[in-house]
């Protein structure tokens, strides 16, 4: 039986900093697509608990503080292309693996707190384990790649539109991850929890020099 927990503000702040590429944690998860307090499978009604816990967390989990959710063990088919200078991409890791621990459909939404759940992501939110037709993640995006590719902005000196440069605001140790484009805690974000609007392809054109 899961222990009723107080959702401490420090958890949300720390998680937002980690999963938002270093951005200030100004957004609130309340009311967002990841606000699970009313979900039928979330018996305790806690917003933070499906992902984070202040006690008995998975301390060895890389990429998020006080992690509480089961981690996927799936093997993924990753994106490949003759024009992809950042590849071949390896298996998703870090924060992207945390996202996929619901969105790959192999781990239930309610598999947290040591309990194996039965409610899985469905519909357009289900990515599955075949990521070959999705934007690659888990590759190094740095000055060297931008120079080699020729159609990418240098992340070390290109503004992101989020307060700093691409490197500081959107990358994780120079790695591009799911959370480079999606802010999982941002209730005020654009469609699909994007870190910024993609009107006129603005998000795409942050990195791609087209």
Protein backbone atom coordinates (compact mmCIF):
# COMPACT_ATOMS: atom_id res chain seq x y z
CA UNK A 1 0.00 0.00 0.00
CA UNK A 2 1.38 3.35 -0.94
CA UNK A 3 2.09 5.77 1.87
CA UNK A 4 0.21 9.05 1.71
CA UNK A 5 2.81 11.68 1.01
CA UNK A 6 3.03 15.42 1.22
CA UNK A 7 4.09 16.80 -2.15
CA UNK A 8 6.98 19.02 -1.11
CA UNK A 9 7.61 22.10 -3.19
CA UNK A 10 11.33 21.42 -3.24
CA UNK A 11 10.72 18.23 -5.25
CA UNK A 12 8.90 20.05 -7.99
CA UNK A 13 11.54 22.78 -8.07
CA UNK A 14 14.41 20.32 -8.26
CA UNK A 15 12.71 18.20 -10.87
CA UNK A 16 11.89 21.18 -13.03
CA UNK A 17 15.50 22.30 -12.98
CA UNK A 18 16.70 18.86 -14.02
CA UNK A 19 14.07 18.13 -16.64
CA UNK A 20 13.99 21.60 -18.18
CA UNK A 21 17.61 21.84 -19.23
CA UNK A 22 18.48 24.21 -16.40
CA UNK A 23 15.63 26.67 -16.89
CA UNK A 24 14.19 28.44 -13.86
CA UNK A 25 11.40 26.41 -12.30
CA UNK A 26 8.69 29.01 -12.82
CA UNK A 27 6.06 26.76 -14.33
CA UNK A 28 3.55 24.75 -12.34
CA UNK A 29 2.54 21.18 -13.02
CA UNK A 30 -0.94 21.83 -11.60
CA UNK A 31 -3.46 21.81 -14.42
CA UNK A 32 -1.01 20.42 -16.96
CA UNK A 33 -1.21 17.15 -18.88
CA UNK A 34 0.96 15.64 -16.15
CA UNK A 35 -1.36 16.66 -13.31
CA UNK A 36 -2.60 13.20 -12.29
CA UNK A 37 -4.45 14.12 -9.11
CA UNK A 38 -7.81 13.24 -10.66
CA UNK A 39 -6.70 10.10 -12.48
CA UNK A 40 -8.73 7.02 -11.56
CA UNK A 41 -5.53 4.99 -11.16
CA UNK A 42 -3.96 7.50 -8.76
CA UNK A 43 -5.72 6.49 -5.59
CA UNK A 44 -3.85 8.91 -3.31
CA UNK A 45 -4.52 11.85 -5.60
CA UNK A 46 -0.98 13.14 -5.27
CA UNK A 47 0.32 15.21 -8.19
CA UNK A 48 4.05 14.59 -7.67
CA UNK A 49 4.00 11.04 -6.31
CA UNK A 50 3.69 9.15 -9.61
CA UNK A 51 7.19 10.40 -10.44
CA UNK A 52 8.79 11.68 -7.22
CA UNK A 53 8.82 10.86 -3.54
CA UNK A 54 10.54 12.52 -0.56
CA UNK A 55 11.24 9.14 1.06
CA UNK A 56 12.52 5.74 -0.12
CA UNK A 57 13.26 6.95 -3.64
CA UNK A 58 15.29 5.19 -6.31
CA UNK A 59 18.47 7.01 -5.37
CA UNK A 60 20.49 5.49 -8.22
CA UNK A 61 18.24 6.91 -10.94
CA UNK A 62 20.17 9.29 -13.20
CA UNK A 63 18.48 12.43 -14.44
CA UNK A 64 15.81 13.18 -11.83
CA UNK A 65 15.70 13.82 -8.09
CA UNK A 66 13.90 11.47 -5.70
CA UNK A 67 12.56 9.25 -8.48
CA UNK A 68 9.55 7.06 -7.63
CA UNK A 69 8.46 5.47 -10.92
CA UNK A 70 9.49 2.15 -12.45
CA UNK A 71 12.12 2.57 -15.18
CA UNK A 72 11.64 0.98 -18.58
CA UNK A 73 13.93 -1.88 -19.54
CA UNK A 74 12.82 -1.92 -23.18
CA UNK A 75 15.22 -2.04 -26.09
CA UNK A 76 14.34 0.68 -28.60
CA UNK A 77 14.66 0.93 -32.35
CA UNK A 78 16.31 4.33 -32.72
CA UNK A 79 16.33 6.90 -35.49
CA UNK A 80 18.82 6.40 -38.31
CA UNK A 81 19.42 8.45 -41.44
CA UNK A 82 22.25 9.00 -43.88
CA UNK A 83 21.91 12.74 -43.25
CA UNK A 84 22.00 12.48 -39.43
CA UNK A 85 25.45 13.75 -38.47
CA UNK A 86 24.82 13.13 -34.77
CA UNK A 87 24.40 9.39 -35.15
CA UNK A 88 24.13 6.64 -34.84
CA UNK A 89 22.06 7.43 -31.77
CA UNK A 90 22.40 5.03 -28.88
CA UNK A 91 19.68 3.67 -26.63
CA UNK A 92 17.72 6.41 -24.80
CA UNK A 93 19.15 7.20 -21.39
CA UNK A 94 18.99 9.91 -18.75
CA UNK A 95 15.88 12.07 -18.72
CA UNK A 96 14.63 10.62 -22.03
CA UNK A 97 14.50 7.17 -20.49
CA UNK A 98 12.41 8.58 -17.65
CA UNK A 99 9.92 9.99 -20.16
CA UNK A 100 9.80 6.69 -22.00
CA UNK A 101 9.08 4.88 -18.74
CA UNK A 102 5.45 5.78 -19.41
CA UNK A 103 5.39 6.74 -23.06
CA UNK A 104 6.90 3.54 -24.45
CA UNK A 105 3.83 1.60 -23.29
CA UNK A 106 5.81 -1.12 -21.50
CA UNK A 107 5.51 0.41 -18.04
CA UNK A 108 2.16 1.38 -16.56
CA UNK A 109 1.37 4.91 -15.43
CA UNK A 110 0.59 3.58 -11.98
CA UNK A 111 3.81 1.57 -11.62
CA UNK A 112 5.23 3.71 -8.86
CA UNK A 113 5.98 3.49 -5.17
CA UNK A 114 7.02 -0.14 -5.58
CA UNK A 115 3.62 -1.16 -7.02
CA UNK A 116 3.19 -2.72 -10.48
CA UNK A 117 0.37 -0.91 -12.22
CA UNK A 118 -2.10 -1.85 -14.93
CA UNK A 119 -2.97 1.48 -16.58
CA UNK A 120 -0.92 2.23 -19.68
CA UNK A 121 -0.49 5.26 -21.92
CA UNK A 122 -2.70 5.06 -25.02
CA UNK A 123 -3.52 7.05 -28.12
CA UNK A 124 -1.27 9.80 -29.42
CA UNK A 125 0.73 9.82 -26.17
CA UNK A 126 1.95 6.28 -26.84
CA UNK A 127 5.31 6.32 -28.64
CA UNK A 128 6.07 2.62 -28.30
CA UNK A 129 9.55 1.17 -28.57
CA UNK A 130 10.06 1.95 -32.26
CA UNK A 131 11.51 5.45 -32.25
CA UNK A 132 12.83 5.27 -35.80
CA UNK A 133 10.30 7.84 -37.03
CA UNK A 134 10.75 10.26 -34.12
CA UNK A 135 13.29 13.04 -33.60
CA UNK A 136 16.52 11.45 -32.34
CA UNK A 137 17.48 11.89 -28.69
CA UNK A 138 20.54 11.08 -26.65
CA UNK A 139 23.10 12.47 -29.06
CA UNK A 140 25.72 15.16 -28.50
CA UNK A 141 24.73 18.55 -29.92
CA UNK A 142 27.72 20.85 -29.64
CA UNK A 143 29.85 23.26 -31.67
CA UNK A 144 31.56 20.35 -33.42
CA UNK A 145 28.26 18.85 -34.62
CA UNK A 146 26.95 22.24 -35.73
CA UNK A 147 30.11 22.79 -37.77
CA UNK A 148 30.03 19.31 -39.30
CA UNK A 149 26.32 19.42 -40.11
CA UNK A 150 26.32 22.93 -41.54
CA UNK A 151 22.60 23.42 -40.96
CA UNK A 152 22.54 23.63 -37.19
CA UNK A 153 23.16 26.69 -35.06
CA UNK A 154 26.07 26.57 -32.63
CA UNK A 155 24.36 25.85 -29.28
CA UNK A 156 27.13 27.56 -27.32
CA UNK A 157 26.42 31.02 -28.72
CA UNK A 158 22.90 30.88 -30.18
CA UNK A 159 20.05 32.30 -28.08
CA UNK A 160 17.24 29.87 -27.31
CA UNK A 161 14.52 32.44 -26.71
CA UNK A 162 14.20 31.02 -23.19
CA UNK A 163 16.60 33.37 -21.44
CA UNK A 164 20.03 32.07 -22.45
CA UNK A 165 21.72 30.09 -25.17
CA UNK A 166 20.65 26.68 -26.49
CA UNK A 167 23.33 24.87 -24.51
CA UNK A 168 22.29 26.32 -21.15
CA UNK A 169 18.53 26.22 -21.66
CA UNK A 170 17.82 23.10 -23.69
CA UNK A 171 20.65 20.58 -23.46
CA UNK A 172 21.71 18.12 -20.77
CA UNK A 173 25.47 17.92 -20.62
CA UNK A 174 25.54 18.78 -24.36
CA UNK A 175 23.00 16.02 -25.04
CA UNK A 176 19.67 16.62 -26.75
CA UNK A 177 16.88 14.79 -24.90
CA UNK A 178 13.07 14.64 -24.86
CA UNK A 179 13.04 17.44 -22.28
CA UNK A 180 15.04 19.69 -24.59
CA UNK A 181 11.78 20.41 -26.39
CA UNK A 182 9.16 19.33 -23.82
CA UNK A 183 8.81 20.88 -20.36
CA UNK A 184 7.12 18.13 -18.36
CA UNK A 185 6.13 20.49 -15.51
CA UNK A 186 4.86 23.45 -17.52
CA UNK A 187 1.12 24.00 -17.19
CA UNK A 188 1.38 27.18 -19.25
CA UNK A 189 3.30 25.60 -22.11
CA UNK A 190 2.21 25.37 -25.70
CA UNK A 191 0.65 22.24 -27.17
CA UNK A 192 2.39 19.01 -26.21
CA UNK A 193 4.13 20.77 -23.29
CA UNK A 194 6.66 22.36 -25.64
CA UNK A 195 9.23 24.63 -24.01
CA UNK A 196 8.16 27.38 -26.42
CA UNK A 197 5.61 27.87 -29.17
CA UNK A 198 6.30 26.15 -32.47
CA UNK A 199 4.21 28.65 -34.42
CA UNK A 200 5.86 29.12 -37.82
CA UNK A 201 8.25 26.32 -36.73
CA UNK A 202 9.83 28.64 -34.14
CA UNK A 203 10.94 25.78 -31.88
CA UNK A 204 12.42 23.79 -34.77
CA UNK A 205 14.23 26.87 -36.07
CA UNK A 206 15.81 27.48 -32.68
CA UNK A 207 18.37 24.80 -33.54
CA UNK A 208 17.94 24.18 -37.27
CA UNK A 209 19.45 26.83 -39.55
CA UNK A 210 17.02 26.69 -42.47
